[in-house]
C-alpha atoms as a PDB file:
ATOM      1  CA  MET A   1     -93.305  15.315  19.313  1.00  0.00           C
ATOM      2  CA  THR A   2     -91.357  12.545  17.587  1.00  0.00           C
ATOM      3  CA  ARG A   3     -90.071   9.399  19.231  1.00  0.00           C
ATOM      4  CA  ASN A   4     -86.448  10.392  18.568  1.00  0.00           C
ATOM      5  CA  GLU A   5     -86.720  13.562  20.656  1.00  0.00           C
ATOM      6  CA  LEU A   6     -88.358  11.853  23.619  1.00  0.00           C
ATOM      7  CA  LYS A   7     -86.422  11.418  26.849  1.00  0.00           C
ATOM      8  CA  LYS A   8     -86.906   8.796  29.534  1.00  0.00           C
ATOM      9  CA  VAL A   9     -86.959   9.838  33.178  1.00  0.00           C
ATOM     10  CA  GLU A  10     -83.509   8.365  33.844  1.00  0.00           C
ATOM     11  CA  ALA A  11     -82.068  10.831  31.296  1.00  0.00           C
ATOM     12  CA  PHE A  12     -83.618  13.974  32.814  1.00  0.00           C
ATOM     13  CA  LYS A  13     -81.075  16.554  33.965  1.00  0.00           C
ATOM     14  CA  ALA A  14     -81.395  19.802  35.866  1.00  0.00           C
ATOM     15  CA  ASN A  15     -81.728  23.017  33.853  1.00  0.00           C
ATOM     16  CA  SER A  16     -82.610  21.194  30.647  1.00  0.00           C
ATOM     17  CA  PRO A  17     -85.723  21.047  28.452  1.00  0.00           C
ATOM     18  CA  VAL A  18     -87.805  17.872  28.403  1.00  0.00           C
ATOM     19  CA  ALA A  19     -90.059  16.283  25.812  1.00  0.00           C
ATOM     20  CA  SER A  20     -91.390  12.938  26.979  1.00  0.00           C
ATOM     21  CA  VAL A  21     -94.245  10.461  27.008  1.00  0.00           C
ATOM     22  CA  LEU A  22     -95.038   9.534  30.609  1.00  0.00           C
ATOM     23  CA  MET A  23     -97.827   8.041  32.673  1.00  0.00           C
ATOM     24  CA  ILE A  24     -99.604   9.867  35.470  1.00  0.00           C
ATOM     25  CA  ARG A  25     -98.860   7.967  38.695  1.00  0.00           C
ATOM     26  CA  GLU A  26    -100.426  10.517  41.075  1.00  0.00           C
ATOM     27  CA  ILE A  27    -102.421  13.682  40.496  1.00  0.00           C
ATOM     28  CA  THR A  28    -103.591  16.281  43.028  1.00  0.00           C
ATOM     29  CA  LEU A  29    -105.243  19.642  42.460  1.00  0.00           C
ATOM     30  CA  ARG A  30    -103.751  22.155  44.909  1.00  0.00           C
ATOM     31  CA  ARG A  31    -103.758  25.905  45.427  1.00  0.00           C
ATOM     32  CA  THR A  32    -100.920  28.363  45.681  1.00  0.00           C
ATOM     33  CA  ARG A  33    -100.727  30.749  48.632  1.00  0.00           C
ATOM     34  CA  ASP A  34    -102.686  33.303  46.645  1.00  0.00           C
ATOM     35  CA  GLY A  35    -105.422  30.775  45.865  1.00  0.00           C
ATOM     36  CA  LYS A  36    -104.517  29.908  42.286  1.00  0.00           C
ATOM     37  CA  PRO A  37    -105.198  26.231  41.384  1.00  0.00           C
ATOM     38  CA  TYR A  38    -102.297  24.122  40.071  1.00  0.00           C
ATOM     39  CA  LEU A  39    -101.583  20.443  39.475  1.00  0.00           C
ATOM     40  CA  ASP A  40     -99.111  18.496  41.587  1.00  0.00           C
ATOM     41  CA  LEU A  41     -98.208  15.339  39.657  1.00  0.00           C
ATOM     42  CA  VAL A  42     -96.001  12.294  39.845  1.00  0.00           C
ATOM     43  CA  LEU A  43     -95.118  11.181  36.325  1.00  0.00           C
ATOM     44  CA  GLY A  44     -93.163   8.106  35.348  1.00  0.00           C
ATOM     45  CA  ASP A  45     -92.014   5.547  32.829  1.00  0.00           C
ATOM     46  CA  MET A  46     -90.223   2.220  33.106  1.00  0.00           C
ATOM     47  CA  THR A  47     -86.991   3.950  34.171  1.00  0.00           C
ATOM     48  CA  GLY A  48     -88.318   6.005  37.075  1.00  0.00           C
ATOM     49  CA  ARG A  49     -90.673   8.729  38.264  1.00  0.00           C
ATOM     50  CA  ILE A  50     -90.491  12.474  38.866  1.00  0.00           C
ATOM     51  CA  ASN A  51     -92.568  15.080  40.656  1.00  0.00           C
ATOM     52  CA  ALA A  52     -94.085  17.647  38.285  1.00  0.00           C
ATOM     53  CA  LYS A  53     -95.940  20.936  38.584  1.00  0.00           C
ATOM     54  CA  VAL A  54     -98.450  22.420  36.143  1.00  0.00           C
ATOM     55  CA  TRP A  55     -98.949  26.034  37.145  1.00  0.00           C
ATOM     56  CA  GLU A  56    -101.401  27.067  34.420  1.00  0.00           C
ATOM     57  CA  GLN A  57    -104.954  25.785  33.777  1.00  0.00           C
ATOM     58  CA  GLY A  58    -104.773  23.454  36.771  1.00  0.00           C
ATOM     59  CA  LYS A  59    -108.526  23.275  37.323  1.00  0.00           C
ATOM     60  CA  GLU A  60    -109.327  22.677  33.653  1.00  0.00           C
ATOM     61  CA  LEU A  61    -106.668  19.996  33.262  1.00  0.00           C
ATOM     62  CA  ALA A  62    -107.762  18.232  36.446  1.00  0.00           C
ATOM     63  CA  GLU A  63    -111.073  17.496  34.717  1.00  0.00           C
ATOM     64  CA  ILE A  64    -109.451  15.581  31.839  1.00  0.00           C
ATOM     65  CA  LEU A  65    -106.365  14.043  33.451  1.00  0.00           C
ATOM     66  CA  LYS A  66    -106.371  11.015  35.761  1.00  0.00           C
ATOM     67  CA  THR A  67    -104.111   8.422  37.298  1.00  0.00           C
ATOM     68  CA  GLY A  68    -102.952   5.776  34.818  1.00  0.00           C
ATOM     69  CA  LEU A  69    -103.313   8.072  31.792  1.00  0.00           C
ATOM     70  CA  PRO A  70    -100.418   8.338  29.279  1.00  0.00           C
ATOM     71  CA  VAL A  71     -99.533  11.944  28.483  1.00  0.00           C
ATOM     72  CA  GLY A  72     -97.235  13.805  26.160  1.00  0.00           C
ATOM     73  CA  VAL A  73     -95.266  16.326  28.198  1.00  0.00           C
ATOM     74  CA  ARG A  74     -93.022  19.279  27.481  1.00  0.00           C
ATOM     75  CA  GLY A  75     -91.324  21.347  30.121  1.00  0.00           C
ATOM     76  CA  GLN A  76     -88.177  22.320  31.962  1.00  0.00           C
ATOM     77  CA  CYS A  77     -86.411  20.122  34.460  1.00  0.00           C
ATOM     78  CA  GLU A  78     -85.007  21.919  37.497  1.00  0.00           C
ATOM     79  CA  GLU A  79     -83.499  21.081  40.862  1.00  0.00           C
ATOM     80  CA  TYR A  80     -85.579  21.842  43.946  1.00  0.00           C
ATOM     81  CA  LEU A  81     -84.471  21.060  47.518  1.00  0.00           C
ATOM     82  CA  GLY A  82     -81.834  18.666  46.276  1.00  0.00           C
ATOM     83  CA  THR A  83     -84.010  16.674  43.870  1.00  0.00           C
ATOM     84  CA  LEU A  84     -85.312  17.098  40.340  1.00  0.00           C
ATOM     85  CA  GLN A  85     -88.779  18.265  39.449  1.00  0.00           C
ATOM     86  CA  LEU A  86     -90.428  18.982  36.126  1.00  0.00           C
ATOM     87  CA  ILE A  87     -92.122  22.317  35.423  1.00  0.00           C
ATOM     88  CA  VAL A  88     -94.662  21.417  32.753  1.00  0.00           C
ATOM     89  CA  SER A  89     -95.388  23.882  29.967  1.00  0.00           C
ATOM     90  CA  SER A  90     -97.722  21.578  28.029  1.00  0.00           C
ATOM     91  CA  ILE A  91     -99.401  18.253  28.804  1.00  0.00           C
ATOM     92  CA  LYS A  92    -101.670  16.272  26.475  1.00  0.00           C
ATOM     93  CA  PRO A  93    -103.579  13.024  27.063  1.00  0.00           C
ATOM     94  CA  LEU A  94    -102.607  10.264  24.625  1.00  0.00           C
ATOM     95  CA  SER A  95    -104.859   7.519  23.285  1.00  0.00           C
ATOM     96  CA  SER A  96    -103.859   3.959  22.417  1.00  0.00           C
ATOM     97  CA  GLN A  97    -103.867   5.015  18.769  1.00  0.00           C
ATOM     98  CA  ASP A  98    -101.533   7.925  19.546  1.00  0.00           C
ATOM     99  CA  LEU A  99     -99.103   5.548  21.243  1.00  0.00           C
ATOM    100  CA  GLU A 100     -99.280   3.070  18.372  1.00  0.00           C
ATOM    101  CA  GLU A 101     -98.523   5.783  15.828  1.00  0.00           C
ATOM    102  CA  MET A 102     -95.515   6.817  17.927  1.00  0.00           C
ATOM    103  CA  GLY A 103     -94.320   3.222  18.178  1.00  0.00           C
ATOM    104  CA  ILE A 104     -94.709   3.157  21.971  1.00  0.00           C
ATOM    105  CA  SER A 105     -96.027   0.055  23.753  1.00  0.00           C
ATOM    106  CA  TRP A 106     -97.550  -0.056  27.225  1.00  0.00           C
ATOM    107  CA  GLU A 107     -94.344  -1.638  28.522  1.00  0.00           C
ATOM    108  CA  HIS A 108     -92.749   1.808  28.082  1.00  0.00           C
ATOM    109  CA  PHE A 109     -94.581   3.017  31.197  1.00  0.00           C
ATOM    110  CA  PHE A 110     -94.256   0.186  33.667  1.00  0.00           C
ATOM    111  CA  PRO A 111     -91.112  -0.603  35.632  1.00  0.00           C
ATOM    112  CA  ALA A 112     -90.713  -4.360  35.971  1.00  0.00           C
ATOM    113  CA  THR A 113     -88.587  -6.774  37.933  1.00  0.00           C
ATOM    114  CA  LYS A 114     -85.249  -7.509  36.320  1.00  0.00           C
ATOM    115  CA  ARG A 115     -85.412 -11.085  37.536  1.00  0.00           C
ATOM    116  CA  ASP A 116     -86.841 -13.986  35.522  1.00  0.00           C
ATOM    117  CA  ARG A 117     -90.405 -14.379  36.761  1.00  0.00           C
ATOM    118  CA  GLU A 118     -90.746 -17.992  35.646  1.00  0.00           C
ATOM    119  CA  LEU A 119     -87.586 -19.004  37.477  1.00  0.00           C
ATOM    120  CA  MET A 120     -88.717 -17.212  40.630  1.00  0.00           C
ATOM    121  CA  TRP A 121     -92.145 -18.846  40.376  1.00  0.00           C
ATOM    122  CA  GLU A 122     -90.633 -22.336  40.020  1.00  0.00           C
ATOM    123  CA  SER A 123     -88.382 -21.653  43.014  1.00  0.00           C
ATOM    124  CA  VAL A 124     -91.365 -20.681  45.175  1.00  0.00           C
ATOM    125  CA  LEU A 125     -93.321 -23.764  44.080  1.00  0.00           C
ATOM    126  CA  ASN A 126     -90.298 -25.926  44.834  1.00  0.00           C
ATOM    127  CA  ALA A 127     -90.123 -24.507  48.374  1.00  0.00           C
ATOM    128  CA  ILE A 128     -93.743 -25.573  48.826  1.00  0.00           C
ATOM    129  CA  SER A 129     -93.279 -29.001  47.245  1.00  0.00           C
ATOM    130  CA  VAL A 130     -90.649 -30.065  49.793  1.00  0.00           C
ATOM    131  CA  MET A 131     -92.828 -29.204  52.786  1.00  0.00           C
ATOM    132  CA  GLU A 132     -93.385 -32.118  55.145  1.00  0.00           C
ATOM    133  CA  ASP A 133     -96.578 -30.792  56.718  1.00  0.00           C
ATOM    134  CA  PRO A 134     -99.344 -31.991  54.337  1.00  0.00           C
ATOM    135  CA  TRP A 135    -101.864 -29.389  55.525  1.00  0.00           C
ATOM    136  CA  LEU A 136     -99.612 -26.359  55.009  1.00  0.00           C
ATOM    137  CA  LYS A 137     -98.293 -27.824  51.761  1.00  0.00           C
ATOM    138  CA  GLU A 138    -101.758 -28.336  50.272  1.00  0.00           C
ATOM    139  CA  LEU A 139    -103.083 -24.980  51.486  1.00  0.00           C
ATOM    140  CA  THR A 140    -100.104 -22.917  50.318  1.00  0.00           C
ATOM    141  CA  MET A 141     -99.930 -24.642  46.934  1.00  0.00           C
ATOM    142  CA  ALA A 142    -103.672 -24.242  46.328  1.00  0.00           C
ATOM    143  CA  ILE A 143    -103.616 -20.510  47.093  1.00  0.00           C
ATOM    144  CA  CYS A 144    -100.574 -19.959  44.885  1.00  0.00           C
ATOM    145  CA  LYS A 145    -101.987 -21.920  41.951  1.00  0.00           C
ATOM    146  CA  ASP A 146    -105.370 -20.163  42.203  1.00  0.00           C
ATOM    147  CA  HIS A 147    -103.668 -16.738  42.131  1.00  0.00           C
ATOM    148  CA  GLU A 148    -100.733 -17.528  39.841  1.00  0.00           C
ATOM    149  CA  GLN A 149    -101.136 -14.704  37.339  1.00  0.00           C
ATOM    150  CA  LYS A 150    -101.613 -12.003  39.959  1.00  0.00           C
ATOM    151  CA  ILE A 151     -98.675 -13.297  41.996  1.00  0.00           C
ATOM    152  CA  LYS A 152     -96.441 -13.171  38.912  1.00  0.00           C
ATOM    153  CA  ASN A 153     -97.488  -9.707  37.757  1.00  0.00           C
ATOM    154  CA  HIS A 154     -98.673  -7.705  40.781  1.00  0.00           C
ATOM    155  CA  PRO A 155     -96.609  -5.010  42.509  1.00  0.00           C
ATOM    156  CA  ALA A 156     -95.829  -5.546  46.179  1.00  0.00           C
ATOM    157  CA  SER A 157     -96.835  -2.026  47.205  1.00  0.00           C
ATOM    158  CA  LEU A 158     -98.193   1.255  45.949  1.00  0.00           C
ATOM    159  CA  LYS A 159     -94.798   2.970  45.863  1.00  0.00           C
ATOM    160  CA  LEU A 160     -92.634   2.090  48.885  1.00  0.00           C
ATOM    161  CA  HIS A 161     -91.002  -1.190  47.858  1.00  0.00           C
ATOM    162  CA  HIS A 162     -91.154  -3.592  44.892  1.00  0.00           C
ATOM    163  CA  ALA A 163     -93.715  -1.231  43.328  1.00  0.00           C
ATOM    164  CA  TYR A 164     -93.346  -2.632  39.819  1.00  0.00           C
ATOM    165  CA  VAL A 165     -94.604  -5.425  37.589  1.00  0.00           C
ATOM    166  CA  GLY A 166     -93.545  -8.717  39.174  1.00  0.00           C
ATOM    167  CA  GLY A 167     -92.590  -6.966  42.404  1.00  0.00           C
ATOM    168  CA  PHE A 168     -94.894  -9.126  44.524  1.00  0.00           C
ATOM    169  CA  LEU A 169     -93.268 -12.330  43.266  1.00  0.00           C
ATOM    170  CA  GLU A 170     -89.746 -10.914  43.621  1.00  0.00           C
ATOM    171  CA  HIS A 171     -90.494  -9.924  47.230  1.00  0.00           C
ATOM    172  CA  VAL A 172     -91.821 -13.393  48.070  1.00  0.00           C
ATOM    173  CA  TYR A 173     -88.967 -15.131  46.252  1.00  0.00           C
ATOM    174  CA  THR A 174     -86.286 -13.131  48.070  1.00  0.00           C
ATOM    175  CA  MET A 175     -87.985 -13.653  51.426  1.00  0.00           C
ATOM    176  CA  VAL A 176     -88.206 -17.410  50.841  1.00  0.00           C
ATOM    177  CA  THR A 177     -84.480 -17.451  50.036  1.00  0.00           C
ATOM    178  CA  LEU A 178     -83.709 -15.639  53.287  1.00  0.00           C
ATOM    179  CA  ALA A 179     -86.123 -17.834  55.240  1.00  0.00           C
ATOM    180  CA  GLU A 180     -84.435 -21.028  54.031  1.00  0.00           C
ATOM    181  CA  THR A 181     -81.211 -19.861  55.667  1.00  0.00           C
ATOM    182  CA  ALA A 182     -83.007 -18.662  58.790  1.00  0.00           C
ATOM    183  CA  ALA A 183     -84.619 -22.092  59.180  1.00  0.00           C
ATOM    184  CA  ASP A 184     -81.130 -23.638  59.220  1.00  0.00           C
ATOM    185  CA  VAL A 185     -79.881 -21.179  61.842  1.00  0.00           C
ATOM    186  CA  TYR A 186     -82.845 -21.086  64.240  1.00  0.00           C
ATOM    187  CA  PRO A 187     -84.815 -24.037  65.678  1.00  0.00           C
ATOM    188  CA  VAL A 188     -88.129 -23.164  64.003  1.00  0.00           C
ATOM    189  CA  ASN A 189     -90.880 -24.937  62.108  1.00  0.00           C
ATOM    190  CA  ARG A 190     -89.612 -24.554  58.548  1.00  0.00           C
ATOM    191  CA  ASP A 191     -92.950 -25.305  56.887  1.00  0.00           C
ATOM    192  CA  LEU A 192     -94.827 -22.785  58.999  1.00  0.00           C
ATOM    193  CA  LEU A 193     -92.150 -20.165  58.337  1.00  0.00           C
ATOM    194  CA  ILE A 194     -92.145 -20.722  54.551  1.00  0.00           C
ATOM    195  CA  SER A 195     -95.934 -20.811  54.362  1.00  0.00           C
ATOM    196  CA  GLY A 196     -96.144 -17.601  56.375  1.00  0.00           C
ATOM    197  CA  ILE A 197     -93.550 -15.956  54.131  1.00  0.00           C
ATOM    198  CA  ILE A 198     -95.375 -16.896  50.926  1.00  0.00           C
ATOM    199  CA  LEU A 199     -98.816 -15.880  52.209  1.00  0.00           C
ATOM    200  CA  HIS A 200     -98.005 -12.888  54.438  1.00  0.00           C
ATOM    201  CA  ASP A 201     -98.949 -10.309  51.779  1.00  0.00           C
ATOM    202  CA  ILE A 202    -101.517 -12.350  49.841  1.00  0.00           C
ATOM    203  CA  GLY A 203    -104.171  -9.743  50.682  1.00  0.00           C
ATOM    204  CA  LYS A 204    -102.311  -7.202  48.551  1.00  0.00           C
ATOM    205  CA  LEU A 205    -103.588  -8.988  45.455  1.00  0.00           C
ATOM    206  CA  GLU A 206    -106.972  -7.471  46.332  1.00  0.00           C
ATOM    207  CA  GLU A 207    -105.798  -4.375  48.207  1.00  0.00           C
ATOM    208  CA  LEU A 208    -104.093  -3.005  45.072  1.00  0.00           C
ATOM    209  CA  ASN A 209    -105.617  -3.144  41.613  1.00  0.00           C
ATOM    210  CA  GLY A 210    -102.212  -3.516  39.933  1.00  0.00           C
ATOM    211  CA  PHE A 211    -101.105  -1.812  36.772  1.00  0.00           C
ATOM    212  CA  PRO A 212    -101.833   0.290  34.772  1.00  0.00           C
ATOM    213  CA  ASP A 213    -102.735   2.651  37.625  1.00  0.00           C
ATOM    214  CA  ASN A 214    -101.656   0.582  40.687  1.00  0.00           C
ATOM    215  CA  PHE A 215    -103.955   2.194  43.220  1.00  0.00           C
ATOM    216  CA  TYR A 216    -105.853   1.016  46.271  1.00  0.00           C
ATOM    217  CA  THR A 217    -109.166  -0.684  45.605  1.00  0.00           C
ATOM    218  CA  ASP A 218    -112.204   0.380  47.630  1.00  0.00           C
ATOM    219  CA  GLU A 219    -111.888  -2.792  49.702  1.00  0.00           C
ATOM    220  CA  GLY A 220    -108.191  -2.083  50.159  1.00  0.00           C
ATOM    221  CA  ASN A 221    -108.953   1.382  51.514  1.00  0.00           C
ATOM    222  CA  PHE A 222    -111.760   0.171  53.772  1.00  0.00           C
ATOM    223  CA  ILE A 223    -110.174  -3.034  55.084  1.00  0.00           C
ATOM    224  CA  GLY A 224    -106.477  -3.317  54.157  1.00  0.00           C
ATOM    225  CA  HIS A 225    -104.327  -6.209  52.992  1.00  0.00           C
ATOM    226  CA  THR A 226    -103.650  -7.692  56.424  1.00  0.00           C
ATOM    227  CA  VAL A 227    -107.312  -8.412  57.142  1.00  0.00           C
ATOM    228  CA  GLN A 228    -107.963  -9.243  53.488  1.00  0.00           C
ATOM    229  CA  GLY A 229    -105.203 -11.842  53.616  1.00  0.00           C
ATOM    230  CA  TYR A 230    -106.507 -13.241  56.898  1.00  0.00           C
ATOM    231  CA  SER A 231    -109.996 -13.593  55.388  1.00  0.00           C
ATOM    232  CA  LEU A 232    -108.697 -15.319  52.262  1.00  0.00           C
ATOM    233  CA  ILE A 233    -106.699 -17.862  54.259  1.00  0.00           C
ATOM    234  CA  GLN A 234    -109.636 -18.385  56.631  1.00  0.00           C
ATOM    235  CA  ASP A 235    -111.853 -19.213  53.630  1.00  0.00           C
ATOM    236  CA  TYR A 236    -109.383 -21.797  52.318  1.00  0.00           C
ATOM    237  CA  ILE A 237    -108.962 -23.388  55.741  1.00  0.00           C
ATOM    238  CA  ARG A 238    -112.745 -23.664  56.200  1.00  0.00           C
ATOM    239  CA  LYS A 239    -112.962 -25.578  52.925  1.00  0.00           C
ATOM    240  CA  THR A 240    -110.329 -28.069  54.114  1.00  0.00           C
ATOM    241  CA  GLU A 241    -111.927 -30.631  56.391  1.00  0.00           C
ATOM    242  CA  GLY A 242    -109.759 -31.616  59.330  1.00  0.00           C
ATOM    243  CA  PHE A 243    -107.234 -28.767  59.084  1.00  0.00           C
ATOM    244  CA  PRO A 244    -105.370 -28.739  62.440  1.00  0.00           C
ATOM    245  CA  GLU A 245    -106.691 -25.948  64.655  1.00  0.00           C
ATOM    246  CA  MET A 246    -103.331 -24.918  66.144  1.00  0.00           C
ATOM    247  CA  THR A 247    -101.645 -24.821  62.736  1.00  0.00           C
ATOM    248  CA  ALA A 248    -104.483 -22.650  61.443  1.00  0.00           C
ATOM    249  CA  LEU A 249    -104.234 -20.286  64.401  1.00  0.00           C
ATOM    250  CA  LYS A 250    -100.463 -19.898  64.031  1.00  0.00           C
ATOM    251  CA  LEU A 251    -100.659 -19.228  60.299  1.00  0.00           C
ATOM    252  CA  LYS A 252    -103.413 -16.677  60.732  1.00  0.00           C
ATOM    253  CA  HIS A 253    -101.446 -15.005  63.532  1.00  0.00           C
ATOM    254  CA  ILE A 254     -98.450 -14.668  61.206  1.00  0.00           C
ATOM    255  CA  ILE A 255    -100.647 -12.843  58.681  1.00  0.00           C
ATOM    256  CA  LEU A 256    -102.085 -10.529  61.340  1.00  0.00           C
ATOM    257  CA  ALA A 257     -98.672  -9.829  62.930  1.00  0.00           C
ATOM    258  CA  HIS A 258     -96.372  -9.560  59.906  1.00  0.00           C
ATOM    259  CA  GLN A 259     -96.235  -5.741  60.050  1.00  0.00           C
ATOM    260  CA  GLY A 260     -94.944  -6.002  63.584  1.00  0.00           C
ATOM    261  CA  GLU A 261     -96.278  -2.898  65.300  1.00  0.00           C
ATOM    262  CA  TYR A 262     -99.736  -1.523  66.019  1.00  0.00           C
ATOM    263  CA  GLU A 263     -98.791   1.850  64.544  1.00  0.00           C
ATOM    264  CA  TYR A 264     -98.133   0.075  61.231  1.00  0.00           C
ATOM    265  CA  GLN A 265    -101.725  -1.224  61.272  1.00  0.00           C
ATOM    266  CA  ALA A 266    -100.769  -4.651  62.608  1.00  0.00           C
ATOM    267  CA  PRO A 267    -103.730  -6.128  64.545  1.00  0.00           C
ATOM    268  CA  LYS A 268    -101.268  -8.243  66.555  1.00  0.00           C
ATOM    269  CA  LYS A 269     -97.566  -8.235  67.428  1.00  0.00           C
ATOM    270  CA  PRO A 270     -95.494 -11.369  66.667  1.00  0.00           C
ATOM    271  CA  ALA A 271     -96.052 -13.844  69.506  1.00  0.00           C
ATOM    272  CA  PHE A 272     -93.752 -16.734  68.516  1.00  0.00           C
ATOM    273  CA  ASP A 273     -90.510 -17.351  66.651  1.00  0.00           C
ATOM    274  CA  GLU A 274     -91.848 -17.976  63.134  1.00  0.00           C
ATOM    275  CA  ALA A 275     -94.071 -14.889  63.271  1.00  0.00           C
ATOM    276  CA  LEU A 276     -91.151 -12.756  64.435  1.00  0.00           C
ATOM    277  CA  LEU A 277     -88.937 -14.059  61.620  1.00  0.00           C
ATOM    278  CA  VAL A 278     -91.592 -13.351  58.995  1.00  0.00           C
ATOM    279  CA  HIS A 279     -91.874  -9.778  60.259  1.00  0.00           C
ATOM    280  CA  TYR A 280     -88.140  -9.066  60.240  1.00  0.00           C
ATOM    281  CA  ILE A 281     -87.440 -10.838  56.945  1.00  0.00           C
ATOM    282  CA  ASP A 282     -90.277  -8.792  55.424  1.00  0.00           C
ATOM    283  CA  GLU A 283     -88.805  -5.592  56.845  1.00  0.00           C
ATOM    284  CA  LEU A 284     -85.287  -6.479  55.687  1.00  0.00           C
ATOM    285  CA  ASP A 285     -86.231  -7.203  52.103  1.00  0.00           C
ATOM    286  CA  ALA A 286     -88.543  -4.191  51.855  1.00  0.00           C
ATOM    287  CA  ARG A 287     -85.943  -1.751  53.203  1.00  0.00           C
ATOM    288  CA  MET A 288     -83.148  -3.143  51.020  1.00  0.00           C
ATOM    289  CA  ASN A 289     -85.340  -2.756  47.961  1.00  0.00           C
ATOM    290  CA  MET A 290     -86.300   0.780  48.980  1.00  0.00           C
ATOM    291  CA  MET A 291     -82.658   1.770  49.326  1.00  0.00           C
ATOM    292  CA  LYS A 292     -81.943   0.330  45.890  1.00  0.00           C
ATOM    293  CA  GLN A 293     -84.871   2.229  44.378  1.00  0.00           C
ATOM    294  CA  ILE A 294     -83.748   5.480  45.999  1.00  0.00           C
ATOM    295  CA  ARG A 295     -80.328   5.142  44.363  1.00  0.00           C
ATOM    296  CA  GLU A 296     -81.824   4.303  40.993  1.00  0.00           C
ATOM    297  CA  GLU A 297     -84.436   7.066  40.970  1.00  0.00           C
ATOM    298  CA  ASP A 298     -82.296   9.895  42.345  1.00  0.00           C
ATOM    299  CA  LEU A 299     -81.210  12.077  39.424  1.00  0.00           C
ATOM    300  CA  SER A 300     -79.062  14.582  41.314  1.00  0.00           C
ATOM    301  CA  GLU A 301     -75.340  14.994  40.679  1.00  0.00           C
ATOM    302  CA  GLY A 302     -72.653  13.531  42.930  1.00  0.00           C
ATOM    303  CA  ILE A 303     -72.180  10.284  44.808  1.00  0.00           C
ATOM    304  CA  TRP A 304     -74.918  10.965  47.371  1.00  0.00           C
ATOM    305  CA  THR A 305     -78.670  11.055  46.852  1.00  0.00           C
ATOM    306  CA  SER A 306     -80.934  13.779  48.160  1.00  0.00           C
ATOM    307  CA  ASN A 307     -82.170  13.316  51.723  1.00  0.00           C
ATOM    308  CA  ARG A 308     -85.774  13.605  50.515  1.00  0.00           C
ATOM    309  CA  ASN A 309     -86.459   9.908  50.767  1.00  0.00           C
ATOM    310  CA  TYR A 310     -87.964   7.354  53.152  1.00  0.00           C
ATOM    311  CA  PHE A 311     -84.818   7.170  55.302  1.00  0.00           C
ATOM    312  CA  ARG A 312     -84.474  11.006  55.400  1.00  0.00           C
ATOM    313  CA  ILE A 313     -80.703  10.823  54.916  1.00  0.00           C
ATOM    314  CA  PRO A 314     -78.436  10.983  51.868  1.00  0.00           C
ATOM    315  CA  ILE A 315     -77.821   7.477  50.474  1.00  0.00           C
ATOM    316  CA  LEU A 316     -74.469   6.523  48.954  1.00  0.00           C
ATOM    317  CA  LYS A 317     -74.852   5.758  45.263  1.00  0.00           C
ATOM    318  CA  GLU A 318     -72.860   2.556  45.141  1.00  0.00           C
ATOM    319  CA  GLU A 319     -73.617   0.792  41.885  1.00  0.00           C
ATOM    320  CA  ASP A 320     -70.983  -1.912  41.679  1.00  0.00           C
ATOM    321  CA  HIS A 321     -73.177  -4.451  43.497  1.00  0.00           C
ATOM    322  CA  ASP A 322     -76.452  -3.596  41.771  1.00  0.00           C
ATOM    323  CA  GLU A 323     -77.974  -5.799  39.109  1.00  0.00           C
END
C-alpha cells in the first residue's frame, strides 16, 4: 500500500474499491444471526468517518485491534440504507514506524477546527478581562489559565458536536459571541452569563480523555461532566476567601442546569434568566454544528443527505455558506 494509492474518507464513493490508512474510532465485536462473530467498526481520518464491517476473523482481530489504533485498510465501499459503509477485506495495525515510512503524520487522523485557535483563545480571554464583577473575573480567568492547553485542544464531545481537535474552544468561543449579543438584548447579568458560558462544559476536560482515542474516562463514565464541572468550580470557590455566596450558588446552578432537562442528565432545570440563556445558547451552537457535520460527512449522491443522522431527516446540502 503506497501513499499515492491511499484515499481519504471524503473521497470514498459507492461501488468502488478502497485502500486507506484510517484510525479506529469505535470497535464492537458482534454476531450475525447464525452466530458468526464479526467486527462492527467506525473508521476515520481528518476528513470524516465511515462505518465498516469485517465479516471474517472477527474474534481473532478483536484481540489485536483497539480504539485509537491506526490501521491499513482495503475493501469495497457500498451504499447501505442511504449511506456509505466499508466492507473490509483486509485490515492491518500500523506502528509509528510504519506511518513514518509512509510519510503519514498523526495529524492525518484527527479532524480539527478550521478556526484559528489562538485568535479564539484571545477572544475568550478578552471577554473575561472586561468583566466588572471581580469575583467572577478572577475565578473564570484562573480556571481558563490553569487548563489552557486542554481548552485549546480538547474536543467538545465524543461524537455529537465539535468532536474534533480544538472543538471545545470553538464551542466556547461561538457561545461567547452569541452571549454578547444576548446580553445586549435581554436585561441579564452579563458577567454571570459569560462566566457560565465559558465554564458550563469545563467538566468535559476530565470526562473525555481527548485524542488520540477521544473516549470517556472512568470518572467520566461514573460521574459525568456536569458533576465533574460542578466539583471543579466548587474547589476553586472554596480556595477564594470571601467569594459571594449568592454568586457562587448561581454559577454552580448554571453548571448543573446547562443541559436543561432531567432526561438529558441535568440535575436541575434552569431556574433564572442567565441559566436559561446558557442552556439554549449551548443547544443552538451544538445543533448548528451537528447539522454542519452531517452535511460534511454524508457521502451519498444528490443534494440531500441520508436520514440516518441525529435529526432523523434528510438535510439539505447547502455549501455556499460553509467555511
